[in-house]
């Protein structure tokens, strides 16, 4: 079976990333959902078949990280650095 990965970088716009390969055995973990409730999830480790991530995807995630940091209070930001 082939698995192809698409990422939503802009609303209603899908960017093709590439074909994925199995990178490890699937496993079960606990994660918080959008309602802040713990739920059981199945994780399927994957990796790109070839090449790296497209530049626009890297830039998008860097922008998201920067936006999240800007929303932190000074106290929380200093705590993350230490």
N, C-alpha and C. Protein backbone atom coordinates (compact mmCIF):
# COMPACT_ATOMS: atom_id res chain seq x y z
N UNK A 1 0.84 -1.17 0.00
CA UNK A 1 0.00 0.00 0.00
C UNK A 1 0.90 1.24 0.00
N UNK A 2 0.54 2.23 -0.79
CA UNK A 2 1.27 3.49 -0.81
C UNK A 2 0.54 4.52 0.04
N UNK A 3 1.31 5.34 0.76
CA UNK A 3 0.74 6.42 1.56
C UNK A 3 1.36 7.72 1.06
N UNK A 4 0.51 8.66 0.70
CA UNK A 4 0.97 9.97 0.22
C UNK A 4 0.52 11.03 1.21
N UNK A 5 1.41 11.96 1.52
CA UNK A 5 1.17 12.95 2.56
C UNK A 5 0.89 14.32 1.96
N UNK A 6 -0.19 14.94 2.41
CA UNK A 6 -0.56 16.29 2.04
C UNK A 6 -0.65 17.11 3.32
N UNK A 7 -0.22 18.36 3.26
CA UNK A 7 -0.24 19.25 4.42
C UNK A 7 -1.10 20.47 4.07
N UNK A 8 -1.89 20.93 5.04
CA UNK A 8 -2.68 22.14 4.86
C UNK A 8 -1.85 23.30 5.40
N UNK A 9 -1.29 24.10 4.50
CA UNK A 9 -0.49 25.26 4.89
C UNK A 9 -1.32 26.52 4.88
N UNK A 10 -2.34 26.55 4.04
CA UNK A 10 -3.31 27.64 3.97
C UNK A 10 -4.68 27.01 3.93
N UNK A 11 -5.67 27.68 4.50
CA UNK A 11 -7.02 27.15 4.54
C UNK A 11 -7.50 26.81 3.13
N UNK A 12 -8.05 25.60 2.97
CA UNK A 12 -8.58 25.09 1.70
C UNK A 12 -7.52 24.89 0.63
N UNK A 13 -6.25 24.80 1.03
CA UNK A 13 -5.17 24.59 0.06
C UNK A 13 -4.28 23.46 0.58
N UNK A 14 -4.13 22.42 -0.22
CA UNK A 14 -3.36 21.25 0.17
C UNK A 14 -2.05 21.21 -0.60
N UNK A 15 -0.96 21.02 0.13
CA UNK A 15 0.37 20.94 -0.48
C UNK A 15 0.84 19.49 -0.44
N UNK A 16 1.17 18.95 -1.60
CA UNK A 16 1.66 17.58 -1.67
C UNK A 16 3.09 17.54 -1.14
N UNK A 17 3.33 16.67 -0.17
CA UNK A 17 4.66 16.54 0.44
C UNK A 17 5.43 15.38 -0.17
N UNK A 18 4.78 14.25 -0.36
CA UNK A 18 5.46 13.12 -0.98
C UNK A 18 4.96 11.79 -0.47
N UNK A 19 5.56 10.74 -1.01
CA UNK A 19 5.22 9.39 -0.59
C UNK A 19 5.93 9.08 0.72
N UNK A 20 5.23 8.38 1.61
CA UNK A 20 5.76 8.06 2.92
C UNK A 20 6.05 6.56 3.02
N UNK A 21 7.03 6.22 3.87
CA UNK A 21 7.37 4.84 4.16
C UNK A 21 7.29 4.61 5.66
N UNK A 22 7.09 3.37 6.03
CA UNK A 22 7.04 2.99 7.44
C UNK A 22 8.41 3.25 8.07
N UNK A 23 8.43 3.93 9.23
CA UNK A 23 9.69 4.26 9.89
C UNK A 23 9.83 3.56 11.24
N UNK A 24 8.86 2.76 11.59
CA UNK A 24 8.89 2.06 12.87
C UNK A 24 7.58 1.31 13.06
N UNK A 25 7.48 0.59 14.14
CA UNK A 25 6.27 -0.18 14.43
C UNK A 25 5.20 0.74 15.01
N UNK A 26 3.94 0.52 14.63
CA UNK A 26 2.86 1.31 15.22
C UNK A 26 2.78 1.06 16.72
N UNK A 27 2.32 2.09 17.46
CA UNK A 27 2.18 1.94 18.90
C UNK A 27 1.00 2.78 19.38
N UNK A 28 0.56 2.51 20.60
CA UNK A 28 -0.57 3.22 21.20
C UNK A 28 -0.02 4.22 22.21
N UNK A 29 -0.59 5.43 22.24
CA UNK A 29 -0.18 6.47 23.18
C UNK A 29 -1.42 7.21 23.66
N UNK A 30 -1.24 8.06 24.65
CA UNK A 30 -2.30 8.92 25.16
C UNK A 30 -1.99 10.36 24.75
N UNK A 31 -3.01 11.08 24.23
CA UNK A 31 -2.85 12.48 23.85
C UNK A 31 -4.11 13.25 24.24
N UNK A 32 -3.94 14.54 24.47
CA UNK A 32 -5.08 15.39 24.76
C UNK A 32 -5.80 15.73 23.46
N UNK A 33 -7.15 15.71 23.50
CA UNK A 33 -7.91 16.10 22.33
C UNK A 33 -8.25 17.59 22.40
N UNK A 34 -9.06 18.09 21.47
CA UNK A 34 -9.38 19.51 21.43
C UNK A 34 -10.19 19.96 22.63
N UNK A 35 -10.82 19.02 23.33
CA UNK A 35 -11.59 19.33 24.55
C UNK A 35 -10.75 19.17 25.80
N UNK A 36 -9.43 18.99 25.62
CA UNK A 36 -8.49 18.81 26.72
C UNK A 36 -8.77 17.53 27.52
N UNK A 37 -9.28 16.51 26.83
CA UNK A 37 -9.54 15.21 27.44
C UNK A 37 -8.52 14.22 26.89
N UNK A 38 -8.02 13.33 27.77
CA UNK A 38 -7.07 12.32 27.32
C UNK A 38 -7.79 11.29 26.47
N UNK A 39 -7.13 10.87 25.39
CA UNK A 39 -7.69 9.83 24.53
C UNK A 39 -6.58 8.90 24.06
N UNK A 40 -6.96 7.71 23.71
CA UNK A 40 -6.01 6.73 23.19
C UNK A 40 -5.86 6.95 21.69
N UNK A 41 -4.62 7.01 21.22
CA UNK A 41 -4.35 7.22 19.80
C UNK A 41 -3.39 6.15 19.30
N UNK A 42 -3.47 5.87 18.03
CA UNK A 42 -2.56 4.93 17.39
C UNK A 42 -1.57 5.75 16.56
N UNK A 43 -0.29 5.56 16.82
CA UNK A 43 0.77 6.29 16.14
C UNK A 43 1.43 5.37 15.12
N UNK A 44 1.52 5.84 13.89
CA UNK A 44 2.17 5.10 12.81
C UNK A 44 3.39 5.91 12.37
N UNK A 45 4.58 5.57 12.87
CA UNK A 45 5.78 6.33 12.49
C UNK A 45 6.05 6.23 10.98
N UNK A 46 6.18 7.38 10.34
CA UNK A 46 6.41 7.44 8.90
C UNK A 46 7.60 8.35 8.61
N UNK A 47 8.17 8.17 7.43
CA UNK A 47 9.23 9.06 6.94
C UNK A 47 9.02 9.24 5.45
N UNK A 48 9.56 10.35 4.93
CA UNK A 48 9.47 10.57 3.49
C UNK A 48 10.28 9.53 2.74
N UNK A 49 9.77 9.06 1.62
CA UNK A 49 10.48 8.07 0.82
C UNK A 49 11.77 8.66 0.27
N UNK A 50 11.73 9.92 -0.16
CA UNK A 50 12.94 10.55 -0.68
C UNK A 50 12.84 12.06 -0.49
N UNK A 51 13.99 12.68 -0.40
CA UNK A 51 14.03 14.13 -0.28
C UNK A 51 13.68 14.61 1.12
N UNK A 52 13.72 15.91 1.27
CA UNK A 52 13.38 16.53 2.54
C UNK A 52 12.04 17.23 2.43
N UNK A 53 11.70 17.96 3.46
CA UNK A 53 10.45 18.70 3.47
C UNK A 53 10.54 19.91 2.56
N UNK A 54 9.44 20.26 1.88
CA UNK A 54 9.44 21.46 1.05
C UNK A 54 9.67 22.71 1.90
N UNK A 55 10.34 23.68 1.32
CA UNK A 55 10.68 24.91 2.02
C UNK A 55 9.44 25.59 2.59
N UNK A 56 8.34 25.62 1.83
CA UNK A 56 7.14 26.29 2.31
C UNK A 56 6.57 25.63 3.56
N UNK A 57 6.73 24.31 3.68
CA UNK A 57 6.25 23.63 4.88
C UNK A 57 7.12 23.97 6.08
N UNK A 58 8.42 24.01 5.89
CA UNK A 58 9.34 24.38 6.97
C UNK A 58 9.06 25.80 7.43
N UNK A 59 8.91 26.71 6.48
CA UNK A 59 8.62 28.11 6.83
C UNK A 59 7.30 28.25 7.57
N UNK A 60 6.29 27.48 7.15
CA UNK A 60 4.98 27.53 7.80
C UNK A 60 5.09 27.10 9.26
N UNK A 61 5.79 26.01 9.52
CA UNK A 61 5.91 25.51 10.90
C UNK A 61 6.78 26.44 11.74
N UNK A 62 7.81 27.04 11.16
CA UNK A 62 8.62 28.01 11.89
C UNK A 62 7.77 29.22 12.26
N UNK A 63 6.92 29.65 11.35
CA UNK A 63 6.02 30.78 11.61
C UNK A 63 5.04 30.45 12.74
N UNK A 64 4.50 29.22 12.74
CA UNK A 64 3.60 28.79 13.80
C UNK A 64 4.30 28.80 15.15
N UNK A 65 5.53 28.31 15.20
CA UNK A 65 6.30 28.28 16.46
C UNK A 65 6.54 29.70 16.96
N UNK A 66 6.90 30.60 16.06
CA UNK A 66 7.16 31.99 16.43
C UNK A 66 5.89 32.65 16.96
N UNK A 67 4.76 32.39 16.32
CA UNK A 67 3.48 32.95 16.78
C UNK A 67 3.13 32.44 18.17
N UNK A 68 3.39 31.16 18.42
CA UNK A 68 3.11 30.58 19.74
C UNK A 68 4.00 31.22 20.80
N UNK A 69 5.27 31.45 20.48
CA UNK A 69 6.18 32.10 21.43
C UNK A 69 5.75 33.53 21.72
N UNK A 70 5.27 34.24 20.73
CA UNK A 70 4.83 35.62 20.92
C UNK A 70 3.64 35.71 21.85
N UNK A 71 2.83 34.65 21.93
CA UNK A 71 1.65 34.65 22.79
C UNK A 71 2.00 34.35 24.25
N UNK A 72 3.21 33.86 24.52
CA UNK A 72 3.60 33.53 25.89
C UNK A 72 3.88 34.80 26.69
N UNK A 73 3.59 34.73 27.97
CA UNK A 73 3.94 35.84 28.85
C UNK A 73 5.45 35.84 29.04
N UNK A 74 5.98 36.96 29.49
CA UNK A 74 7.44 37.05 29.72
C UNK A 74 7.89 35.99 30.71
N UNK A 75 7.10 35.76 31.75
CA UNK A 75 7.45 34.80 32.78
C UNK A 75 7.56 33.38 32.19
N UNK A 76 6.59 33.00 31.38
CA UNK A 76 6.61 31.66 30.77
C UNK A 76 7.73 31.53 29.74
N UNK A 77 7.98 32.61 29.02
CA UNK A 77 9.06 32.59 28.03
C UNK A 77 10.40 32.39 28.70
N UNK A 78 10.66 33.10 29.80
CA UNK A 78 11.92 32.96 30.54
C UNK A 78 12.02 31.54 31.10
N UNK A 79 10.90 30.99 31.59
CA UNK A 79 10.91 29.63 32.14
C UNK A 79 11.26 28.60 31.07
N UNK A 80 10.83 28.82 29.84
CA UNK A 80 11.15 27.90 28.75
C UNK A 80 12.63 27.95 28.38
N UNK A 81 13.22 29.10 28.50
CA UNK A 81 14.62 29.27 28.14
C UNK A 81 15.53 28.59 29.17
N UNK A 82 15.15 28.66 30.43
CA UNK A 82 16.01 28.13 31.51
C UNK A 82 15.95 26.65 31.64
